[in-house]
Amino acid sequence: MVAWIFPGQGSQYVGMGKTLFEESAIIREFIGLSGRMLGFDMLRLMLEGPESELTLTQNAQPAILSVSIALSDFLSERGAKPDIVAGLSLGEFSALTVAGSLEYADALRLVRLRGIAMQEAIPPGEGIMAAIIGLPNEVVEKICLEISSEEEVIVANYNCPGQVVVSGTTEKVRLVTSMALEAGARKCVELSVSAPFHSRFLQPVGDVLRDFLKDVKVSPPRIPVISNVTGDFFPEDPEEIKELIISQAYKPVKWEQSIRRMIQLGSDRFIEVGPGKVLSGFMKKIDRNVSISTTDCESLEVIREFQEIAN
């Protein structure tokens, strides 16, 4: 059973897909058209930067989505099909698009709006995220509860065994990382993001998405999609799908649980479709017995070889 998984924000980098765009005029035009739909030169930004501009949430999110969908379309046109899909945070929009729940144009506008709303949800510098490596989940959860009675800091991403991400106010996140190091964490790293994603501080983003989704057609998925929020199947009902899309902005991402659910369902070949190899690294820590491959969007030759694995 083949599972396609899609990366989230942070996987972007200047030059991503350069060789791919040079080799395929169709993919290059697809990215160019996507940028024109949003009113900026997405292709130039991907290829030339500057990195500071590409990293902005409102730019990174549509850029990653467009590359992921371009790669998915390239593979699908050559007979490679997933049996089940999931995506990490932003990547969930790629998964829903591939599954037919969202039209690409709607998903593109949705993630652009989501990115803008995320950047505006909290004043710059007041909220951050940090990865904590080398402690059990329950230890980090306990630290968060000890120092925060009103969810000023929470575990926001359960990535893989021994790696979680905390999100909240700058003061509380830094206190958690300090206490985590004292408790034996191997490393703590502040993430380069513009807001404390997947925490209660992003609830205003949910309101923005809810308003946008009123006029968006959402369809039952044609193939199973695993939700970040529940770690289980997206429902068939379009209104319930919308609610999960909305709440995902401010609720924790259960990525490890999602992957284990896919394995439980019979997935034994995982394909990371999009820029970077972050999810492949998580996979190796979740279950080394499953096969994991990555497109890494760098060359059609590599993708053609990968296509044989994907079928």
Protein backbone atom coordinates (compact mmCIF):
# COMPACT_ATOMS: atom_id res chain seq x y z
CA MET A 1 0.00 0.00 0.00
CA VAL A 2 1.54 3.29 -1.14
CA ALA A 3 1.25 6.45 0.96
CA TRP A 4 2.16 9.92 -0.28
CA ILE A 5 3.16 12.42 2.40
CA PHE A 6 3.57 16.16 1.85
CA PRO A 7 5.94 18.52 3.68
CA GLY A 8 5.01 21.69 5.50
CA GLN A 9 6.49 25.12 6.02
CA GLY A 10 10.23 25.07 6.60
CA SER A 11 10.92 22.75 3.66
CA GLN A 12 11.28 25.71 1.28
CA TYR A 13 14.70 26.91 0.13
CA VAL A 14 15.98 29.29 -2.54
CA GLY A 15 16.69 27.29 -5.69
CA MET A 16 14.21 24.53 -4.90
CA GLY A 17 13.18 22.79 -8.09
CA LYS A 18 15.69 24.72 -10.26
CA THR A 19 16.75 21.70 -12.31
CA LEU A 20 13.16 20.52 -12.50
CA PHE A 21 11.94 23.84 -13.87
CA GLU A 22 14.76 23.91 -16.42
CA GLU A 23 13.86 20.43 -17.65
CA SER A 24 10.08 20.87 -17.82
CA ALA A 25 8.44 23.87 -19.49
CA ILE A 26 5.05 22.55 -18.35
CA ILE A 27 6.00 22.54 -14.68
CA ARG A 28 7.70 25.93 -15.03
CA GLU A 29 4.55 27.40 -16.56
CA PHE A 30 2.41 25.79 -13.85
CA ILE A 31 4.44 27.53 -11.13
CA GLY A 32 4.42 30.79 -13.08
CA LEU A 33 0.65 30.66 -13.50
CA SER A 34 0.21 29.92 -9.79
CA GLY A 35 2.17 33.04 -8.93
CA ARG A 36 0.17 35.16 -11.34
CA MET A 37 -3.05 33.94 -9.73
CA LEU A 38 -1.78 35.38 -6.44
CA GLY A 39 -0.23 38.51 -7.89
CA PHE A 40 3.49 37.86 -7.40
CA ASP A 41 6.39 36.25 -9.28
CA MET A 42 6.50 32.92 -7.46
CA LEU A 43 8.92 31.29 -9.90
CA ARG A 44 11.48 34.08 -9.53
CA LEU A 45 11.14 34.01 -5.76
CA MET A 46 11.73 30.24 -5.66
CA LEU A 47 14.76 30.39 -7.94
CA GLU A 48 16.40 33.66 -6.90
CA GLY A 49 15.04 34.58 -3.49
CA PRO A 50 15.83 36.48 -1.42
CA GLU A 51 15.50 33.84 1.28
CA SER A 52 14.01 36.37 3.70
CA GLU A 53 11.13 36.96 1.27
CA LEU A 54 10.61 33.29 0.41
CA THR A 55 10.54 32.40 4.11
CA LEU A 56 7.65 34.78 4.80
CA THR A 57 4.70 32.59 5.72
CA GLN A 58 2.43 34.15 3.09
CA ASN A 59 4.98 33.27 0.36
CA ALA A 60 6.39 29.99 1.63
CA GLN A 61 3.00 28.31 1.97
CA PRO A 62 1.78 28.76 -1.64
CA ALA A 63 5.28 28.05 -2.97
CA ILE A 64 5.49 24.69 -1.20
CA LEU A 65 1.92 23.79 -2.16
CA SER A 66 2.51 24.57 -5.84
CA VAL A 67 5.72 22.52 -6.05
CA SER A 68 4.08 19.59 -4.25
CA ILE A 69 1.06 19.61 -6.58
CA ALA A 70 3.26 19.99 -9.70
CA LEU A 71 5.22 16.90 -8.66
CA SER A 72 2.03 15.01 -7.81
CA ASP A 73 0.55 15.80 -11.22
CA PHE A 74 3.76 14.76 -12.97
CA LEU A 75 3.71 11.40 -11.19
CA SER A 76 -0.03 10.84 -11.64
CA GLU A 77 0.18 11.48 -15.38
CA ARG A 78 2.71 8.66 -15.55
CA GLY A 79 0.60 6.16 -13.67
CA ALA A 80 1.82 6.59 -10.10
CA LYS A 81 -1.09 6.80 -7.67
CA PRO A 82 -1.26 6.90 -3.87
CA ASP A 83 -3.57 4.65 -1.88
CA ILE A 84 -3.62 7.09 1.05
CA VAL A 85 -2.24 10.58 1.73
CA ALA A 86 -1.32 12.92 4.57
CA GLY A 87 0.57 16.17 4.96
CA LEU A 88 2.35 17.90 7.82
CA SER A 89 0.56 21.14 8.74
CA LEU A 90 0.61 23.14 5.47
CA GLY A 91 1.21 19.83 3.66
CA GLU A 92 -2.30 18.76 4.60
CA PHE A 93 -3.63 21.17 1.96
CA SER A 94 -1.52 19.37 -0.66
CA ALA A 95 -2.93 16.05 0.55
CA LEU A 96 -6.53 17.31 0.37
CA THR A 97 -5.92 18.65 -3.14
CA VAL A 98 -4.45 15.37 -4.39
CA ALA A 99 -7.39 13.53 -2.82
CA GLY A 100 -9.86 15.76 -4.68
CA SER A 101 -11.37 17.48 -1.63
CA LEU A 102 -10.01 20.88 -2.64
CA GLU A 103 -9.59 22.36 -6.10
CA TYR A 104 -6.01 23.53 -6.64
CA ALA A 105 -6.98 27.17 -7.27
CA ASP A 106 -8.98 27.24 -4.02
CA ALA A 107 -6.17 25.57 -2.07
CA LEU A 108 -3.65 28.06 -3.44
CA ARG A 109 -5.71 31.09 -2.40
CA LEU A 110 -6.53 29.42 0.91
CA VAL A 111 -2.89 28.87 1.93
CA ARG A 112 -1.94 32.39 0.81
CA LEU A 113 -4.69 33.78 3.03
CA ARG A 114 -3.72 31.38 5.82
CA GLY A 115 -0.12 32.57 5.63
CA ILE A 116 -1.09 36.24 5.81
CA ALA A 117 -3.45 35.59 8.74
CA MET A 118 -0.78 33.59 10.58
CA GLN A 119 1.72 36.42 10.26
CA GLU A 120 -0.82 38.94 11.56
CA ALA A 121 -2.23 36.82 14.40
CA ILE A 122 0.26 37.98 17.02
CA PRO A 123 2.69 40.94 17.12
CA PRO A 124 6.22 40.08 15.90
CA GLY A 125 8.47 38.76 18.64
CA GLU A 126 5.70 37.92 21.08
CA GLY A 127 5.35 34.26 20.09
CA ILE A 128 7.79 31.59 18.91
CA MET A 129 8.19 27.84 18.42
CA ALA A 130 11.04 25.55 19.43
CA ALA A 131 11.93 21.94 18.72
CA ILE A 132 12.87 19.81 21.71
CA ILE A 133 14.92 16.73 20.93
CA GLY A 134 15.67 13.80 23.19
CA LEU A 135 12.89 13.82 25.78
CA PRO A 136 9.74 11.68 26.05
CA ASN A 137 6.55 13.49 25.02
CA GLU A 138 5.04 13.26 28.48
CA VAL A 139 8.04 14.98 30.07
CA VAL A 140 7.71 17.98 27.75
CA GLU A 141 3.94 18.05 28.28
CA LYS A 142 4.46 18.08 32.04
CA ILE A 143 6.90 20.99 31.82
CA CYS A 144 4.40 22.98 29.74
CA LEU A 145 1.65 22.35 32.27
CA GLU A 146 3.90 23.29 35.19
CA ILE A 147 4.66 26.76 33.87
CA SER A 148 1.45 27.58 32.02
CA SER A 149 -2.07 27.39 33.42
CA GLU A 150 -3.71 28.99 30.37
CA GLU A 151 -1.97 27.21 27.50
CA GLU A 152 0.55 30.00 27.06
CA VAL A 153 2.83 27.24 25.79
CA ILE A 154 1.88 23.77 24.53
CA VAL A 155 3.30 20.86 22.59
CA ALA A 156 2.19 21.86 19.09
CA ASN A 157 3.82 19.20 16.91
CA TYR A 158 4.35 15.53 17.75
CA ASN A 159 6.83 14.81 14.95
CA CYS A 160 8.47 11.50 15.86
CA PRO A 161 9.82 9.65 18.90
CA GLY A 162 12.05 12.01 20.83
CA GLN A 163 11.13 15.13 18.88
CA VAL A 164 8.31 17.55 19.60
CA VAL A 165 7.79 21.25 18.95
CA VAL A 166 6.46 23.63 21.58
CA SER A 167 4.59 26.80 20.68
CA GLY A 168 3.48 29.84 22.65
CA THR A 169 4.65 33.14 24.08
CA THR A 170 8.34 33.86 23.66
CA GLU A 171 8.88 34.01 27.41
CA LYS A 172 7.16 30.69 28.13
CA VAL A 173 8.71 28.80 25.20
CA ARG A 174 12.21 29.83 26.28
CA LEU A 175 11.43 28.79 29.84
CA VAL A 176 10.28 25.38 28.58
CA THR A 177 13.46 24.88 26.53
CA SER A 178 15.60 25.83 29.52
CA MET A 179 13.78 23.35 31.76
CA ALA A 180 13.89 20.70 29.03
CA LEU A 181 17.67 20.96 28.82
CA GLU A 182 17.88 20.64 32.60
CA ALA A 183 15.66 17.54 32.34
CA GLY A 184 18.07 15.92 29.87
CA ALA A 185 16.98 17.07 26.42
CA ARG A 186 19.75 16.57 23.88
CA LYS A 187 19.02 19.79 22.04
CA CYS A 188 16.49 22.62 21.79
CA VAL A 189 16.23 24.75 18.66
CA GLU A 190 14.10 27.84 18.12
CA LEU A 191 12.36 27.66 14.74
CA SER A 192 12.44 30.40 12.12
CA VAL A 193 8.69 31.01 11.97
CA SER A 194 6.67 34.20 12.23
CA ALA A 195 4.15 33.10 14.88
CA PRO A 196 3.36 30.37 17.45
CA PHE A 197 1.59 28.03 15.01
CA HIS A 198 -0.84 25.35 16.22
CA SER A 199 -1.53 27.10 19.51
CA ARG A 200 -4.51 29.05 20.86
CA PHE A 201 -2.87 32.28 19.71
CA LEU A 202 -3.74 31.29 16.14
CA GLN A 203 -7.49 31.05 16.75
CA PRO A 204 -8.05 34.31 14.79
CA VAL A 205 -6.66 32.45 11.77
CA GLY A 206 -9.47 29.95 12.13
CA ASP A 207 -12.01 32.77 11.91
CA VAL A 208 -10.41 34.05 8.68
CA LEU A 209 -10.42 30.56 7.15
CA ARG A 210 -14.02 29.96 8.17
CA ASP A 211 -15.11 33.12 6.37
CA PHE A 212 -13.17 32.18 3.21
CA LEU A 213 -14.43 28.59 3.19
CA LYS A 214 -18.08 29.69 3.12
CA ASP A 215 -17.75 30.14 -0.64
CA VAL A 216 -15.40 27.22 -1.35
CA LYS A 217 -16.61 23.88 -2.63
CA VAL A 218 -15.18 21.03 -0.58
CA SER A 219 -15.75 17.46 -1.77
CA PRO A 220 -15.50 14.07 -0.06
CA PRO A 221 -11.96 12.72 -0.57
CA ARG A 222 -11.54 10.18 -3.38
CA ILE A 223 -8.81 8.44 -1.40
CA PRO A 224 -8.26 8.32 2.37
CA VAL A 225 -6.65 11.40 3.94
CA ILE A 226 -5.30 11.30 7.49
CA SER A 227 -5.96 14.41 9.59
CA ASN A 228 -3.30 16.24 11.62
CA VAL A 229 -5.88 17.11 14.25
CA THR A 230 -7.25 13.62 14.90
CA GLY A 231 -4.53 11.31 13.59
CA ASP A 232 -7.29 9.43 11.76
CA PHE A 233 -9.40 9.66 8.59
CA PHE A 234 -10.85 12.90 7.32
CA PRO A 235 -14.64 12.51 7.28
CA GLU A 236 -16.76 12.37 4.12
CA ASP A 237 -18.96 15.32 5.05
CA PRO A 238 -17.70 18.58 3.46
CA GLU A 239 -18.70 20.71 6.46
CA GLU A 240 -16.78 18.44 8.82
CA ILE A 241 -13.76 18.63 6.50
CA LYS A 242 -13.96 22.43 6.66
CA GLU A 243 -14.02 22.34 10.46
CA LEU A 244 -10.82 20.27 10.54
CA ILE A 245 -9.15 22.65 8.07
CA ILE A 246 -10.11 25.57 10.32
CA SER A 247 -9.08 24.04 13.64
CA GLN A 248 -5.78 22.70 12.30
CA ALA A 249 -4.35 26.24 12.46
CA TYR A 250 -4.58 26.35 16.26
CA LYS A 251 -4.57 22.69 17.33
CA PRO A 252 -1.56 20.38 17.74
CA VAL A 253 -0.29 18.33 14.81
CA LYS A 254 -0.34 14.60 15.61
CA TRP A 255 2.14 13.60 12.91
CA GLU A 256 3.63 10.52 14.56
CA GLN A 257 0.13 9.23 15.35
CA SER A 258 -0.92 9.89 11.74
CA ILE A 259 1.98 7.89 10.33
CA ARG A 260 1.39 5.00 12.74
CA ARG A 261 -2.26 4.96 11.69
CA MET A 262 -1.24 4.73 8.03
CA ILE A 263 1.10 1.86 8.81
CA GLN A 264 -1.66 0.13 10.80
CA LEU A 265 -3.90 0.42 7.74
CA GLY A 266 -1.30 -1.37 5.62
CA SER A 267 0.95 1.38 4.24
CA ASP A 268 4.41 -0.05 3.68
CA ARG A 269 5.80 2.37 1.06
CA PHE A 270 5.93 6.08 1.83
CA ILE A 271 6.75 8.72 -0.76
CA GLU A 272 7.63 12.26 0.33
CA VAL A 273 6.31 14.50 -2.45
CA GLY A 274 7.66 18.04 -2.30
CA PRO A 275 10.79 19.98 -1.42
CA GLY A 276 13.25 18.67 1.13
CA LYS A 277 13.56 15.44 3.10
CA VAL A 278 12.29 16.41 6.55
CA LEU A 279 9.45 13.87 6.64
CA SER A 280 11.77 11.09 5.52
CA GLY A 281 13.92 11.82 8.56
CA PHE A 282 10.89 11.58 10.84
CA MET A 283 9.84 8.31 9.17
CA LYS A 284 13.15 6.63 9.97
CA LYS A 285 12.58 7.38 13.65
CA ILE A 286 8.93 6.29 13.63
CA ASP A 287 9.37 2.92 11.87
CA ARG A 288 12.52 1.73 10.11
CA ASN A 289 10.71 -1.28 8.66
CA VAL A 290 8.77 0.70 6.06
CA SER A 291 10.17 1.96 2.77
CA ILE A 292 10.58 5.73 2.38
CA SER A 293 11.54 7.58 -0.80
CA THR A 294 11.65 11.26 -1.63
CA THR A 295 11.24 13.23 -4.84
CA ASP A 296 13.10 16.29 -3.48
CA CYS A 297 11.90 18.12 -6.64
CA GLU A 298 15.38 18.38 -8.12
CA SER A 299 15.40 16.40 -11.35
CA LEU A 300 12.95 14.72 -13.69
CA GLU A 301 15.48 11.91 -14.15
CA VAL A 302 15.41 11.20 -10.43
CA ILE A 303 11.61 11.42 -10.42
CA ARG A 304 11.35 9.01 -13.35
CA GLU A 305 13.45 6.51 -11.40
CA PHE A 306 11.32 7.19 -8.35
CA GLN A 307 8.19 6.61 -10.43
CA GLU A 308 9.04 2.91 -10.62
CA ILE A 309 9.10 2.80 -6.82
CA ALA A 310 5.84 4.74 -6.56
CA ASN A 311 3.87 2.32 -8.72
